[in-house]
């Protein structure tokens, strides 16, 4: 995190988040901020933990969970090798929390208040270094927060196409394109929505790379099937 939670003016969790009654997942500094806000303790670690670390899952009695018993803790069941990056650590859990995992340097590598559905992990599940980290995030969002995973690339395209058609109607659209990712994706999306109502305009400045102008023209005319005017 940017600071230590016990420093003056350190970022903190505002009360409206707790008042919402929604599940919470604190990651790294987020876990420390959650601990600090709810009355636990965070202190400097005698040894900074940076890089790969192995975690062991723990049950409510503080006992290490066997590989066979990992399914009893689905939030963390697929994790063992994780990525750490912190100089502080939780030294006392807030009331109502239990330790869910530990590492060699962190007695509380993960914690949870199962009743309120508040969870914290000292490692970073969002980075690719943490093997199966995305499974943790997915379980939290889908199974704990009960979110319907309907926000997919196809659903975004379908919704965008619908909005474009409603806005354009029978009109024509003139789009300036450069051949770069942004304008090309935007043009492809509009073309999918309104077809030959789209007219693309490409300015060949003379400063492009060798044959780049021809490649852009081919991509739009032959690949996309869009009308392209080159200036």
C-alpha atoms as a PDB file:
ATOM      1  CA  UNK A   1       0.000   0.000   0.000  1.00  0.00           C
ATOM      2  CA  UNK A   2       0.965   3.665  -0.255  1.00  0.00           C
ATOM      3  CA  UNK A   3       1.379   4.035   3.496  1.00  0.00           C
ATOM      4  CA  UNK A   4       1.141   2.165   6.775  1.00  0.00           C
ATOM      5  CA  UNK A   5      -2.362   2.168   8.240  1.00  0.00           C
ATOM      6  CA  UNK A   6      -1.107   3.578  11.548  1.00  0.00           C
ATOM      7  CA  UNK A   7       0.485   6.637   9.885  1.00  0.00           C
ATOM      8  CA  UNK A   8      -1.203  10.025   9.920  1.00  0.00           C
ATOM      9  CA  UNK A   9      -3.418  10.659   6.871  1.00  0.00           C
ATOM     10  CA  UNK A  10      -3.138   7.053   5.691  1.00  0.00           C
ATOM     11  CA  UNK A  11      -5.968   5.888   3.383  1.00  0.00           C
ATOM     12  CA  UNK A  12      -8.757   4.274   5.380  1.00  0.00           C
ATOM     13  CA  UNK A  13     -12.048   2.451   4.858  1.00  0.00           C
ATOM     14  CA  UNK A  14     -14.967   4.836   5.202  1.00  0.00           C
ATOM     15  CA  UNK A  15     -17.934   3.913   7.380  1.00  0.00           C
ATOM     16  CA  UNK A  16     -20.461   3.854   4.549  1.00  0.00           C
ATOM     17  CA  UNK A  17     -18.741   0.746   3.218  1.00  0.00           C
ATOM     18  CA  UNK A  18     -19.394  -1.112   6.465  1.00  0.00           C
ATOM     19  CA  UNK A  19     -22.882   0.377   6.709  1.00  0.00           C
ATOM     20  CA  UNK A  20     -23.752  -1.049   3.275  1.00  0.00           C
ATOM     21  CA  UNK A  21     -23.935  -4.578   4.671  1.00  0.00           C
ATOM     22  CA  UNK A  22     -22.125  -5.905   1.604  1.00  0.00           C
ATOM     23  CA  UNK A  23     -19.314  -8.486   1.650  1.00  0.00           C
ATOM     24  CA  UNK A  24     -15.787  -7.053   1.743  1.00  0.00           C
ATOM     25  CA  UNK A  25     -12.527  -8.446   0.372  1.00  0.00           C
ATOM     26  CA  UNK A  26      -9.424  -6.551   1.484  1.00  0.00           C
ATOM     27  CA  UNK A  27      -6.260  -7.264  -0.500  1.00  0.00           C
ATOM     28  CA  UNK A  28      -2.803  -6.564   0.998  1.00  0.00           C
ATOM     29  CA  UNK A  29      -3.122  -2.973   2.318  1.00  0.00           C
ATOM     30  CA  UNK A  30      -6.863  -3.530   2.121  1.00  0.00           C
ATOM     31  CA  UNK A  31      -6.598  -6.342   4.656  1.00  0.00           C
ATOM     32  CA  UNK A  32      -4.518  -4.145   6.949  1.00  0.00           C
ATOM     33  CA  UNK A  33      -6.977  -1.252   6.562  1.00  0.00           C
ATOM     34  CA  UNK A  34      -9.852  -3.613   7.355  1.00  0.00           C
ATOM     35  CA  UNK A  35      -8.024  -4.845  10.447  1.00  0.00           C
ATOM     36  CA  UNK A  36      -7.201  -1.328  11.629  1.00  0.00           C
ATOM     37  CA  UNK A  37     -10.743  -0.049  11.081  1.00  0.00           C
ATOM     38  CA  UNK A  38     -12.321  -2.870  13.078  1.00  0.00           C
ATOM     39  CA  UNK A  39     -10.023  -2.734  16.095  1.00  0.00           C
ATOM     40  CA  UNK A  40      -7.280  -5.200  15.205  1.00  0.00           C
ATOM     41  CA  UNK A  41      -3.562  -4.427  15.205  1.00  0.00           C
ATOM     42  CA  UNK A  42      -1.092  -3.873  12.368  1.00  0.00           C
ATOM     43  CA  UNK A  43       2.622  -3.498  13.091  1.00  0.00           C
ATOM     44  CA  UNK A  44       5.875  -3.284  11.148  1.00  0.00           C
ATOM     45  CA  UNK A  45       7.211  -6.700  10.272  1.00  0.00           C
ATOM     46  CA  UNK A  46      10.736  -7.600  11.301  1.00  0.00           C
ATOM     47  CA  UNK A  47      11.187  -9.022   7.820  1.00  0.00           C
ATOM     48  CA  UNK A  48       9.624  -7.588   4.669  1.00  0.00           C
ATOM     49  CA  UNK A  49       7.784 -10.264   2.713  1.00  0.00           C
ATOM     50  CA  UNK A  50       8.259  -9.782  -1.021  1.00  0.00           C
ATOM     51  CA  UNK A  51       7.962 -12.422  -3.722  1.00  0.00           C
ATOM     52  CA  UNK A  52       6.591 -15.935  -3.813  1.00  0.00           C
ATOM     53  CA  UNK A  53       5.337 -17.464  -0.582  1.00  0.00           C
ATOM     54  CA  UNK A  54       3.670 -20.708   0.382  1.00  0.00           C
ATOM     55  CA  UNK A  55       0.527 -20.497   2.472  1.00  0.00           C
ATOM     56  CA  UNK A  56      -1.177 -23.103   4.618  1.00  0.00           C
ATOM     57  CA  UNK A  57      -4.912 -23.001   5.198  1.00  0.00           C
ATOM     58  CA  UNK A  58      -6.152 -22.961   8.783  1.00  0.00           C
ATOM     59  CA  UNK A  59      -9.450 -23.974  10.354  1.00  0.00           C
ATOM     60  CA  UNK A  60     -11.314 -22.129  13.091  1.00  0.00           C
ATOM     61  CA  UNK A  61      -9.263 -23.896  15.774  1.00  0.00           C
ATOM     62  CA  UNK A  62      -5.959 -22.694  14.308  1.00  0.00           C
ATOM     63  CA  UNK A  63      -5.093 -26.115  12.903  1.00  0.00           C
ATOM     64  CA  UNK A  64      -3.565 -26.560   9.459  1.00  0.00           C
ATOM     65  CA  UNK A  65      -6.103 -27.991   7.026  1.00  0.00           C
ATOM     66  CA  UNK A  66      -5.020 -31.131   5.190  1.00  0.00           C
ATOM     67  CA  UNK A  67      -5.017 -31.185   1.374  1.00  0.00           C
ATOM     68  CA  UNK A  68      -8.141 -33.346   1.508  1.00  0.00           C
ATOM     69  CA  UNK A  69      -9.925 -30.846   3.727  1.00  0.00           C
ATOM     70  CA  UNK A  70      -9.230 -27.757   1.612  1.00  0.00           C
ATOM     71  CA  UNK A  71     -12.679 -27.907   0.030  1.00  0.00           C
ATOM     72  CA  UNK A  72     -14.124 -26.803   3.387  1.00  0.00           C
ATOM     73  CA  UNK A  73     -12.605 -23.373   2.665  1.00  0.00           C
ATOM     74  CA  UNK A  74     -13.592 -22.770  -0.975  1.00  0.00           C
ATOM     75  CA  UNK A  75     -12.404 -19.139  -1.048  1.00  0.00           C
ATOM     76  CA  UNK A  76      -8.802 -20.306  -0.675  1.00  0.00           C
ATOM     77  CA  UNK A  77      -9.009 -23.981  -1.581  1.00  0.00           C
ATOM     78  CA  UNK A  78      -7.110 -23.696  -4.880  1.00  0.00           C
ATOM     79  CA  UNK A  79      -4.248 -21.582  -3.499  1.00  0.00           C
ATOM     80  CA  UNK A  80      -0.853 -22.527  -2.148  1.00  0.00           C
ATOM     81  CA  UNK A  81       1.790 -20.446  -3.956  1.00  0.00           C
ATOM     82  CA  UNK A  82       1.012 -16.733  -3.701  1.00  0.00           C
ATOM     83  CA  UNK A  83       2.701 -13.383  -4.300  1.00  0.00           C
ATOM     84  CA  UNK A  84       3.457 -11.199  -1.285  1.00  0.00           C
ATOM     85  CA  UNK A  85       4.545  -7.547  -1.193  1.00  0.00           C
ATOM     86  CA  UNK A  86       4.317  -5.928   2.236  1.00  0.00           C
ATOM     87  CA  UNK A  87       6.407  -4.554   5.080  1.00  0.00           C
ATOM     88  CA  UNK A  88       3.679  -4.459   7.739  1.00  0.00           C
ATOM     89  CA  UNK A  89       1.609  -7.359   8.965  1.00  0.00           C
ATOM     90  CA  UNK A  90      -1.502  -8.032  11.004  1.00  0.00           C
ATOM     91  CA  UNK A  91      -0.530  -9.000  14.540  1.00  0.00           C
ATOM     92  CA  UNK A  92      -3.985  -9.127  16.141  1.00  0.00           C
ATOM     93  CA  UNK A  93      -7.252  -9.930  14.397  1.00  0.00           C
ATOM     94  CA  UNK A  94     -10.359  -7.788  14.882  1.00  0.00           C
ATOM     95  CA  UNK A  95     -13.114  -9.232  17.041  1.00  0.00           C
ATOM     96  CA  UNK A  96     -15.179 -11.835  15.203  1.00  0.00           C
ATOM     97  CA  UNK A  97     -12.402 -12.753  12.763  1.00  0.00           C
ATOM     98  CA  UNK A  98     -10.518 -16.024  12.457  1.00  0.00           C
ATOM     99  CA  UNK A  99      -7.270 -16.795  10.685  1.00  0.00           C
ATOM    100  CA  UNK A 100      -7.811 -18.621   7.400  1.00  0.00           C
ATOM    101  CA  UNK A 101      -4.196 -19.013   6.257  1.00  0.00           C
ATOM    102  CA  UNK A 102      -0.631 -18.406   7.342  1.00  0.00           C
ATOM    103  CA  UNK A 103       2.776 -18.126   5.702  1.00  0.00           C
ATOM    104  CA  UNK A 104       6.267 -18.395   7.124  1.00  0.00           C
ATOM    105  CA  UNK A 105       6.367 -14.670   7.887  1.00  0.00           C
ATOM    106  CA  UNK A 106       2.659 -13.853   8.241  1.00  0.00           C
ATOM    107  CA  UNK A 107       0.650 -15.584  10.979  1.00  0.00           C
ATOM    108  CA  UNK A 108      -2.448 -14.080   9.367  1.00  0.00           C
ATOM    109  CA  UNK A 109      -1.961 -14.442   5.613  1.00  0.00           C
ATOM    110  CA  UNK A 110      -5.746 -14.511   5.268  1.00  0.00           C
ATOM    111  CA  UNK A 111      -8.579 -13.793   7.675  1.00  0.00           C
ATOM    112  CA  UNK A 112     -12.336 -13.780   7.687  1.00  0.00           C
ATOM    113  CA  UNK A 113     -15.457 -12.876   9.584  1.00  0.00           C
ATOM    114  CA  UNK A 114     -17.710 -15.567   8.185  1.00  0.00           C
ATOM    115  CA  UNK A 115     -20.909 -14.101   9.627  1.00  0.00           C
ATOM    116  CA  UNK A 116     -20.433 -10.644   8.093  1.00  0.00           C
ATOM    117  CA  UNK A 117     -18.655 -12.004   5.014  1.00  0.00           C
ATOM    118  CA  UNK A 118     -15.611  -9.798   5.553  1.00  0.00           C
ATOM    119  CA  UNK A 119     -12.383 -11.283   4.238  1.00  0.00           C
ATOM    120  CA  UNK A 120      -8.781 -10.147   3.957  1.00  0.00           C
ATOM    121  CA  UNK A 121      -5.767 -11.632   2.202  1.00  0.00           C
ATOM    122  CA  UNK A 122      -2.224 -10.368   2.737  1.00  0.00           C
ATOM    123  CA  UNK A 123      -1.116 -11.593  -0.692  1.00  0.00           C
ATOM    124  CA  UNK A 124      -2.083 -10.469  -4.192  1.00  0.00           C
ATOM    125  CA  UNK A 125      -4.557 -12.828  -5.916  1.00  0.00           C
ATOM    126  CA  UNK A 126      -4.954 -10.380  -8.813  1.00  0.00           C
ATOM    127  CA  UNK A 127      -1.404 -10.848 -10.192  1.00  0.00           C
ATOM    128  CA  UNK A 128      -0.406 -13.777 -12.382  1.00  0.00           C
ATOM    129  CA  UNK A 129       2.359 -14.755  -9.938  1.00  0.00           C
ATOM    130  CA  UNK A 130      -0.330 -16.080  -7.577  1.00  0.00           C
ATOM    131  CA  UNK A 131      -1.300 -19.412  -9.046  1.00  0.00           C
ATOM    132  CA  UNK A 132      -5.103 -19.720  -9.286  1.00  0.00           C
ATOM    133  CA  UNK A 133      -5.540 -16.272  -7.738  1.00  0.00           C
ATOM    134  CA  UNK A 134      -8.358 -15.414 -10.119  1.00  0.00           C
ATOM    135  CA  UNK A 135     -10.294 -18.386  -8.702  1.00  0.00           C
ATOM    136  CA  UNK A 136     -10.331 -16.600  -5.335  1.00  0.00           C
ATOM    137  CA  UNK A 137     -11.678 -13.394  -6.863  1.00  0.00           C
ATOM    138  CA  UNK A 138     -14.265 -15.301  -8.886  1.00  0.00           C
ATOM    139  CA  UNK A 139     -15.467 -17.223  -5.835  1.00  0.00           C
ATOM    140  CA  UNK A 140     -15.780 -14.013  -3.821  1.00  0.00           C
ATOM    141  CA  UNK A 141     -17.709 -12.185  -6.538  1.00  0.00           C
ATOM    142  CA  UNK A 142     -19.944 -15.019  -7.746  1.00  0.00           C
ATOM    143  CA  UNK A 143     -20.456 -17.251  -4.715  1.00  0.00           C
ATOM    144  CA  UNK A 144     -20.102 -14.859  -1.789  1.00  0.00           C
ATOM    145  CA  UNK A 145     -21.481 -11.649  -3.342  1.00  0.00           C
ATOM    146  CA  UNK A 146     -23.994 -13.603  -5.481  1.00  0.00           C
ATOM    147  CA  UNK A 147     -23.167 -11.566  -8.587  1.00  0.00           C
ATOM    148  CA  UNK A 148     -24.435 -12.921 -11.891  1.00  0.00           C
ATOM    149  CA  UNK A 149     -21.379 -13.114 -14.219  1.00  0.00           C
ATOM    150  CA  UNK A 150     -23.243 -11.704 -17.208  1.00  0.00           C
ATOM    151  CA  UNK A 151     -20.729  -8.951 -18.048  1.00  0.00           C
ATOM    152  CA  UNK A 152     -18.924 -10.733 -20.885  1.00  0.00           C
ATOM    153  CA  UNK A 153     -17.267  -9.383 -24.054  1.00  0.00           C
ATOM    154  CA  UNK A 154     -20.222 -10.610 -26.116  1.00  0.00           C
ATOM    155  CA  UNK A 155     -22.777  -8.967 -23.828  1.00  0.00           C
ATOM    156  CA  UNK A 156     -20.847  -5.683 -23.958  1.00  0.00           C
ATOM    157  CA  UNK A 157     -20.761  -5.831 -27.770  1.00  0.00           C
ATOM    158  CA  UNK A 158     -24.477  -6.633 -27.978  1.00  0.00           C
ATOM    159  CA  UNK A 159     -25.407  -3.773 -25.649  1.00  0.00           C
ATOM    160  CA  UNK A 160     -23.140  -1.333 -27.510  1.00  0.00           C
ATOM    161  CA  UNK A 161     -24.576  -2.344 -30.892  1.00  0.00           C
ATOM    162  CA  UNK A 162     -28.107  -1.824 -29.563  1.00  0.00           C
ATOM    163  CA  UNK A 163     -27.288   1.668 -28.274  1.00  0.00           C
ATOM    164  CA  UNK A 164     -25.524   2.673 -31.510  1.00  0.00           C
ATOM    165  CA  UNK A 165     -28.500   1.602 -33.619  1.00  0.00           C
ATOM    166  CA  UNK A 166     -30.894   3.520 -31.385  1.00  0.00           C
ATOM    167  CA  UNK A 167     -28.790   6.667 -31.538  1.00  0.00           C
ATOM    168  CA  UNK A 168     -27.929   6.616 -35.264  1.00  0.00           C
ATOM    169  CA  UNK A 169     -31.230   5.469 -36.716  1.00  0.00           C
ATOM    170  CA  UNK A 170     -31.159   5.930 -40.510  1.00  0.00           C
ATOM    171  CA  UNK A 171     -28.392   8.539 -40.455  1.00  0.00           C
ATOM    172  CA  UNK A 172     -24.871   8.215 -41.786  1.00  0.00           C
ATOM    173  CA  UNK A 173     -21.799   8.205 -39.542  1.00  0.00           C
ATOM    174  CA  UNK A 174     -18.404   9.658 -40.500  1.00  0.00           C
ATOM    175  CA  UNK A 175     -15.525   8.155 -38.538  1.00  0.00           C
ATOM    176  CA  UNK A 176     -11.921   9.356 -38.622  1.00  0.00           C
ATOM    177  CA  UNK A 177      -9.614   6.352 -38.331  1.00  0.00           C
ATOM    178  CA  UNK A 178      -5.862   6.100 -37.877  1.00  0.00           C
ATOM    179  CA  UNK A 179      -5.345   2.363 -38.109  1.00  0.00           C
ATOM    180  CA  UNK A 180      -4.599   2.250 -34.386  1.00  0.00           C
ATOM    181  CA  UNK A 181      -6.408   0.066 -31.884  1.00  0.00           C
ATOM    182  CA  UNK A 182      -8.827   2.667 -30.493  1.00  0.00           C
ATOM    183  CA  UNK A 183     -10.254   3.996 -33.747  1.00  0.00           C
ATOM    184  CA  UNK A 184     -10.215   0.553 -35.393  1.00  0.00           C
ATOM    185  CA  UNK A 185     -12.179  -1.097 -32.578  1.00  0.00           C
ATOM    186  CA  UNK A 186     -14.636   1.808 -32.474  1.00  0.00           C
ATOM    187  CA  UNK A 187     -15.132   1.619 -36.246  1.00  0.00           C
ATOM    188  CA  UNK A 188     -15.577  -2.164 -36.169  1.00  0.00           C
ATOM    189  CA  UNK A 189     -18.226  -1.835 -33.461  1.00  0.00           C
ATOM    190  CA  UNK A 190     -20.121   0.893 -35.315  1.00  0.00           C
ATOM    191  CA  UNK A 191     -19.893  -1.062 -38.584  1.00  0.00           C
ATOM    192  CA  UNK A 192     -21.318  -4.137 -36.861  1.00  0.00           C
ATOM    193  CA  UNK A 193     -24.242  -1.999 -35.726  1.00  0.00           C
ATOM    194  CA  UNK A 194     -25.077   0.003 -38.866  1.00  0.00           C
ATOM    195  CA  UNK A 195     -23.150  -1.587 -41.748  1.00  0.00           C
ATOM    196  CA  UNK A 196     -22.789   0.624 -44.839  1.00  0.00           C
ATOM    197  CA  UNK A 197     -24.192   3.639 -43.015  1.00  0.00           C
ATOM    198  CA  UNK A 198     -20.625   4.049 -41.727  1.00  0.00           C
ATOM    199  CA  UNK A 199     -18.068   5.965 -43.784  1.00  0.00           C
ATOM    200  CA  UNK A 200     -14.475   5.812 -42.560  1.00  0.00           C
ATOM    201  CA  UNK A 201     -11.944   8.527 -43.388  1.00  0.00           C
ATOM    202  CA  UNK A 202      -8.212   7.868 -43.221  1.00  0.00           C
ATOM    203  CA  UNK A 203      -5.608  10.629 -43.569  1.00  0.00           C
ATOM    204  CA  UNK A 204      -2.297   9.455 -45.035  1.00  0.00           C
ATOM    205  CA  UNK A 205       0.064  12.109 -43.703  1.00  0.00           C
ATOM    206  CA  UNK A 206       3.127  10.766 -45.481  1.00  0.00           C
ATOM    207  CA  UNK A 207       4.726  10.101 -42.115  1.00  0.00           C
ATOM    208  CA  UNK A 208       3.535   6.518 -41.788  1.00  0.00           C
ATOM    209  CA  UNK A 209       5.762   3.481 -41.986  1.00  0.00           C
ATOM    210  CA  UNK A 210       6.422   1.819 -45.322  1.00  0.00           C
ATOM    211  CA  UNK A 211       3.161   0.446 -46.804  1.00  0.00           C
ATOM    212  CA  UNK A 212       1.260   1.223 -43.594  1.00  0.00           C
ATOM    213  CA  UNK A 213      -1.318   3.306 -45.423  1.00  0.00           C
ATOM    214  CA  UNK A 214      -2.072   0.444 -47.799  1.00  0.00           C
ATOM    215  CA  UNK A 215      -2.289  -1.995 -44.897  1.00  0.00           C
ATOM    216  CA  UNK A 216      -4.792   0.212 -43.078  1.00  0.00           C
ATOM    217  CA  UNK A 217      -6.890   0.555 -46.224  1.00  0.00           C
ATOM    218  CA  UNK A 218      -6.855  -3.206 -46.766  1.00  0.00           C
ATOM    219  CA  UNK A 219      -7.820  -3.885 -43.151  1.00  0.00           C
ATOM    220  CA  UNK A 220     -10.877  -1.651 -43.358  1.00  0.00           C
ATOM    221  CA  UNK A 221     -12.010  -2.422 -46.894  1.00  0.00           C
ATOM    222  CA  UNK A 222     -11.169  -6.112 -47.154  1.00  0.00           C
ATOM    223  CA  UNK A 223     -11.120  -7.191 -43.528  1.00  0.00           C
ATOM    224  CA  UNK A 224     -13.971  -5.117 -42.144  1.00  0.00           C
ATOM    225  CA  UNK A 225     -15.902  -4.514 -45.340  1.00  0.00           C
ATOM    226  CA  UNK A 226     -16.314  -0.830 -44.499  1.00  0.00           C
ATOM    227  CA  UNK A 227     -16.300   2.098 -46.898  1.00  0.00           C
ATOM    228  CA  UNK A 228     -12.993   3.942 -46.551  1.00  0.00           C
ATOM    229  CA  UNK A 229     -11.979   7.289 -47.995  1.00  0.00           C
ATOM    230  CA  UNK A 230      -8.221   7.908 -47.995  1.00  0.00           C
ATOM    231  CA  UNK A 231      -7.012  11.497 -48.077  1.00  0.00           C
END
